[in-house]
Amino acid sequence: MRTMSIESPCILVCVLDPKTGYCFGCGRTGTEIAGWTAISSKDRRAVMDLLPARLASVERPARRETARSRRARERREADAGGDA
């Protein structure tokens, strides 16, 4: 049995921007993601041609500060405060 691969822009960051409705990772809408395997190759290509412009319009959320980066920031701030 031979399997067929379908071209996909998915980068496994599946979170939709509530403002635009586009995925932060690939730029597709939820409807496009859900029906991706059912649409024709021509239609998939048409959607993929739109993705760069869509991704440019998405405002990515600020990265969450990790515990490690917080401790490093606090150390830098403490060191800078001790010099004054």
Protein backbone atom coordinates (compact mmCIF):
# COMPACT_ATOMS: atom_id res chain seq x y z
CA MET A 1 0.00 0.00 0.00
CA ARG A 2 1.31 3.42 -0.96
CA THR A 3 0.52 6.44 1.20
CA MET A 4 -0.06 9.83 -0.28
CA SER A 5 1.35 12.93 1.37
CA ILE A 6 -0.54 16.20 1.36
CA GLU A 7 1.36 19.47 1.40
CA SER A 8 0.59 21.38 4.56
CA PRO A 9 1.86 24.65 6.06
CA CYS A 10 1.32 23.33 9.59
CA ILE A 11 4.23 23.91 12.01
CA LEU A 12 2.41 22.40 15.02
CA VAL A 13 1.59 25.77 16.61
CA CYS A 14 -2.17 25.33 16.48
CA VAL A 15 -3.56 28.41 18.22
CA LEU A 16 -6.02 30.76 16.54
CA ASP A 17 -5.67 34.52 16.88
CA PRO A 18 -9.01 35.70 18.32
CA LYS A 19 -8.70 39.02 16.45
CA THR A 20 -8.12 37.68 12.92
CA GLY A 21 -9.19 34.03 13.20
CA TYR A 22 -5.88 32.94 11.68
CA CYS A 23 -3.60 30.31 13.21
CA PHE A 24 -0.48 31.87 14.77
CA GLY A 25 1.61 29.05 13.29
CA CYS A 26 0.40 28.60 9.72
CA GLY A 27 -2.06 31.42 9.00
CA ARG A 28 -5.02 29.20 8.09
CA THR A 29 -8.51 29.61 9.54
CA GLY A 30 -10.03 26.94 11.75
CA THR A 31 -12.33 25.90 8.90
CA GLU A 32 -9.39 25.57 6.50
CA ILE A 33 -7.43 23.51 9.02
CA ALA A 34 -10.38 21.19 9.68
CA GLY A 35 -11.08 20.61 5.99
CA TRP A 36 -7.50 20.62 4.72
CA THR A 37 -7.40 16.96 3.64
CA ALA A 38 -10.79 17.22 1.92
CA ILE A 39 -10.05 20.18 -0.36
CA SER A 40 -8.40 19.87 -3.75
CA SER A 41 -4.70 20.36 -4.32
CA LYS A 42 -5.51 23.47 -6.39
CA ASP A 43 -7.56 24.97 -3.53
CA ARG A 44 -4.83 24.12 -0.98
CA ARG A 45 -2.30 25.91 -3.17
CA ALA A 46 -4.60 28.96 -3.41
CA VAL A 47 -4.87 29.12 0.39
CA MET A 48 -1.11 28.65 0.80
CA ASP A 49 -0.51 31.61 -1.51
CA LEU A 50 -2.48 33.80 0.94
CA LEU A 51 -0.63 32.68 4.07
CA PRO A 52 2.39 35.04 4.06
CA ALA A 53 0.12 38.11 4.01
CA ARG A 54 -2.13 36.61 6.67
CA LEU A 55 0.78 35.83 8.98
CA ALA A 56 2.04 39.38 8.57
CA SER A 57 -1.32 40.64 9.88
CA VAL A 58 -1.34 38.44 12.99
CA GLU A 59 -0.16 40.04 16.22
CA ARG A 60 1.68 37.37 18.10
CA PRO A 61 1.18 37.37 21.85
CA ALA A 62 4.12 38.35 24.00
CA ARG A 63 6.20 35.39 25.06
CA ARG A 64 5.53 34.25 28.56
CA GLU A 65 8.42 34.78 30.94
CA THR A 66 9.75 31.45 32.18
CA ALA A 67 10.94 30.91 35.75
CA ARG A 68 14.52 30.64 34.49
CA SER A 69 14.37 33.90 32.55
CA ARG A 70 12.65 35.63 35.50
CA ARG A 71 15.47 34.59 37.89
CA ALA A 72 18.08 35.78 35.40
CA ARG A 73 16.27 39.13 35.02
CA GLU A 74 16.00 39.51 38.80
CA ARG A 75 19.74 38.80 39.18
CA ARG A 76 20.58 41.42 36.55
CA GLU A 77 18.31 43.95 38.23
CA ALA A 78 19.80 43.21 41.66
CA ASP A 79 23.35 43.53 40.28
CA ALA A 80 22.49 46.82 38.58
CA GLY A 81 20.88 48.13 41.77
CA GLY A 82 23.98 47.31 43.83
CA ASP A 83 26.18 49.52 41.64
CA ALA A 84 24.27 52.71 42.42
